[in-house]
Amino acid sequence: MDYQFKILPNNNLEIIIPLVFELNEGKVSQTVLKSRFDEMQHQNYECVVIFYRDEVIGVTGLWFCTRHYAGKSVELDHVYIKPKHRNKGLGKQFMDWIYTYVKEKDCNSMELNTYVQNYPSHKFYHNEGYEILGYHFYRNI
């Protein structure tokens, strides 16, 4: 299959909203997502997409920062590939492309969060060499 991985310009983030809406199972409205992505485009955020022909079928966000315990770091956010494109090695190709990209930006480490009940992602990330270092806590304020 003919997949392409690209950095999406931050002024074009609206094209990922349907995918992120799907990822969140509709728990966050598309209107709220648009508002949040409008804000994120002015932060240390970049978006990587997977194109299949002319369709965006995968997405992840990259948050860049320097952490006291890890140095220059990137955090993966909202990693999603449409179900019909899974289990074909595409996730591995996507991650390899991202590793190359962030190394070129002099990052020392990568981090991510995954939902506790998302067991397939746990296996995938373990196979990618990630270690569980702690818990991610969340509180609405």
Protein backbone atom coordinates (compact mmCIF):
# COMPACT_ATOMS: atom_id res chain seq x y z
CA MET A 1 0.00 0.00 0.00
CA ASP A 2 1.09 3.55 -0.65
CA TYR A 3 1.31 5.32 2.74
CA GLN A 4 2.96 8.70 3.25
CA PHE A 5 3.99 10.22 6.58
CA LYS A 6 4.03 14.01 6.79
CA ILE A 7 4.18 16.87 9.25
CA LEU A 8 0.90 18.71 8.96
CA PRO A 9 1.22 22.50 8.98
CA ASN A 10 -0.27 23.86 12.20
CA ASN A 11 -2.62 26.09 10.23
CA ASN A 12 -4.25 22.96 8.75
CA LEU A 13 -5.04 21.02 11.96
CA GLU A 14 -8.77 21.00 11.25
CA ILE A 15 -8.32 18.00 8.92
CA ILE A 16 -7.42 15.74 11.87
CA ILE A 17 -10.49 16.60 13.94
CA PRO A 18 -12.61 13.71 12.55
CA LEU A 19 -9.86 11.20 13.44
CA VAL A 20 -9.36 12.54 16.95
CA PHE A 21 -13.14 12.60 17.40
CA GLU A 22 -13.19 8.91 16.40
CA LEU A 23 -10.32 8.14 18.77
CA ASN A 24 -12.19 9.75 21.67
CA GLU A 25 -15.37 7.89 20.73
CA GLY A 26 -17.24 11.18 20.47
CA LYS A 27 -16.63 12.09 24.13
CA VAL A 28 -15.26 15.49 23.09
CA SER A 29 -17.31 17.37 20.50
CA GLN A 30 -15.78 18.38 17.20
CA THR A 31 -16.47 22.01 18.10
CA VAL A 32 -14.45 21.71 21.30
CA LEU A 33 -11.69 19.82 19.46
CA LYS A 34 -11.47 22.60 16.87
CA SER A 35 -11.18 25.21 19.61
CA ARG A 36 -8.46 23.24 21.37
CA PHE A 37 -6.47 22.59 18.20
CA ASP A 38 -6.74 26.30 17.33
CA GLU A 39 -5.02 26.98 20.65
CA MET A 40 -2.51 24.10 20.35
CA GLN A 41 -1.21 25.36 17.02
CA HIS A 42 0.48 28.22 18.90
CA GLN A 43 2.21 25.94 21.42
CA ASN A 44 5.14 23.48 21.15
CA TYR A 45 2.93 21.11 19.19
CA GLU A 46 3.40 19.42 15.83
CA CYS A 47 1.13 16.94 14.12
CA VAL A 48 2.16 13.93 12.03
CA VAL A 49 -0.37 12.37 9.69
CA ILE A 50 -0.50 9.25 7.58
CA PHE A 51 -1.94 9.69 4.13
CA TYR A 52 -3.27 6.79 2.10
CA ARG A 53 -3.80 8.18 -1.36
CA ASP A 54 -5.54 11.51 -0.57
CA GLU A 55 -7.12 10.40 2.71
CA VAL A 56 -5.75 11.05 6.21
CA ILE A 57 -5.94 7.65 7.90
CA GLY A 58 -3.60 8.15 10.86
CA VAL A 59 -2.49 10.87 13.22
CA THR A 60 -0.40 11.66 16.24
CA GLY A 61 0.60 14.82 18.01
CA LEU A 62 4.12 15.63 19.14
CA TRP A 63 4.68 17.86 22.16
CA PHE A 64 8.26 19.14 22.44
CA CYS A 65 9.83 20.23 25.72
CA THR A 66 12.89 19.87 27.93
CA ARG A 67 12.41 17.75 31.03
CA HIS A 68 14.70 17.83 34.06
CA TYR A 69 14.95 14.02 34.12
CA ALA A 70 15.19 13.34 30.38
CA GLY A 71 16.56 16.36 28.54
CA LYS A 72 15.03 17.38 25.24
CA SER A 73 11.96 15.22 24.93
CA VAL A 74 8.87 14.61 22.84
CA GLU A 75 5.54 13.28 24.06
CA LEU A 76 3.30 11.39 21.66
CA ASP A 77 -0.34 12.40 21.94
CA HIS A 78 -3.54 11.02 20.40
CA VAL A 79 -1.96 8.23 18.33
CA TYR A 80 -4.64 6.83 16.05
CA ILE A 81 -4.81 4.76 12.88
CA LYS A 82 -8.16 3.95 11.29
CA PRO A 83 -9.14 0.34 12.09
CA LYS A 84 -9.12 -0.96 8.50
CA HIS A 85 -5.42 0.03 8.18
CA ARG A 86 -4.27 -1.70 11.36
CA ASN A 87 -2.41 -5.01 11.72
CA LYS A 88 -0.39 -4.42 8.54
CA GLY A 89 2.84 -3.16 10.10
CA LEU A 90 1.80 0.45 9.58
CA GLY A 91 2.10 1.37 13.27
CA LYS A 92 5.71 0.19 13.28
CA GLN A 93 6.47 2.16 10.10
CA PHE A 94 4.78 5.23 11.61
CA MET A 95 6.83 5.00 14.80
CA ASP A 96 10.08 4.47 12.86
CA TRP A 97 9.35 7.61 10.81
CA ILE A 98 8.65 9.55 14.01
CA TYR A 99 11.85 8.28 15.70
CA THR A 100 13.91 9.50 12.75
CA TYR A 101 12.13 12.86 12.71
CA VAL A 102 12.52 13.60 16.43
CA LYS A 103 16.15 12.47 16.46
CA GLU A 104 16.78 15.07 13.74
CA LYS A 105 15.31 17.61 16.19
CA ASP A 106 17.87 16.44 18.82
CA CYS A 107 15.35 14.81 21.17
CA ASN A 108 16.80 12.44 23.78
CA SER A 109 13.63 10.62 24.73
CA MET A 110 9.98 9.95 23.94
CA GLU A 111 7.06 9.56 26.30
CA LEU A 112 3.39 8.78 25.94
CA ASN A 113 0.25 7.99 27.84
CA THR A 114 -2.14 5.22 26.94
CA TYR A 115 -5.47 4.38 28.50
CA VAL A 116 -5.34 1.67 31.14
CA GLN A 117 -7.89 -0.50 29.32
CA ASN A 118 -6.18 -0.21 25.90
CA TYR A 119 -4.30 -3.53 26.15
CA PRO A 120 -3.34 -3.78 22.45
CA SER A 121 -1.51 -0.46 22.72
CA HIS A 122 0.37 -1.64 25.82
CA LYS A 123 1.72 -4.63 23.93
CA PHE A 124 2.60 -2.47 20.92
CA TYR A 125 4.52 0.09 22.99
CA HIS A 126 6.34 -2.59 24.99
CA ASN A 127 7.44 -4.09 21.65
CA GLU A 128 8.64 -0.62 20.64
CA GLY A 129 10.92 -0.51 23.70
CA TYR A 130 8.84 1.70 25.99
CA GLU A 131 8.90 1.05 29.73
CA ILE A 132 6.17 1.86 32.23
CA LEU A 133 7.69 4.37 34.64
CA GLY A 134 4.65 5.48 36.60
CA TYR A 135 1.00 6.39 36.54
CA HIS A 136 -0.63 9.32 34.82
CA PHE A 137 -3.09 11.02 37.13
CA TYR A 138 -5.84 13.32 35.92
CA ARG A 139 -8.20 15.74 37.64
CA ASN A 140 -10.72 18.16 36.25
CA ILE A 141 -10.51 21.62 37.82
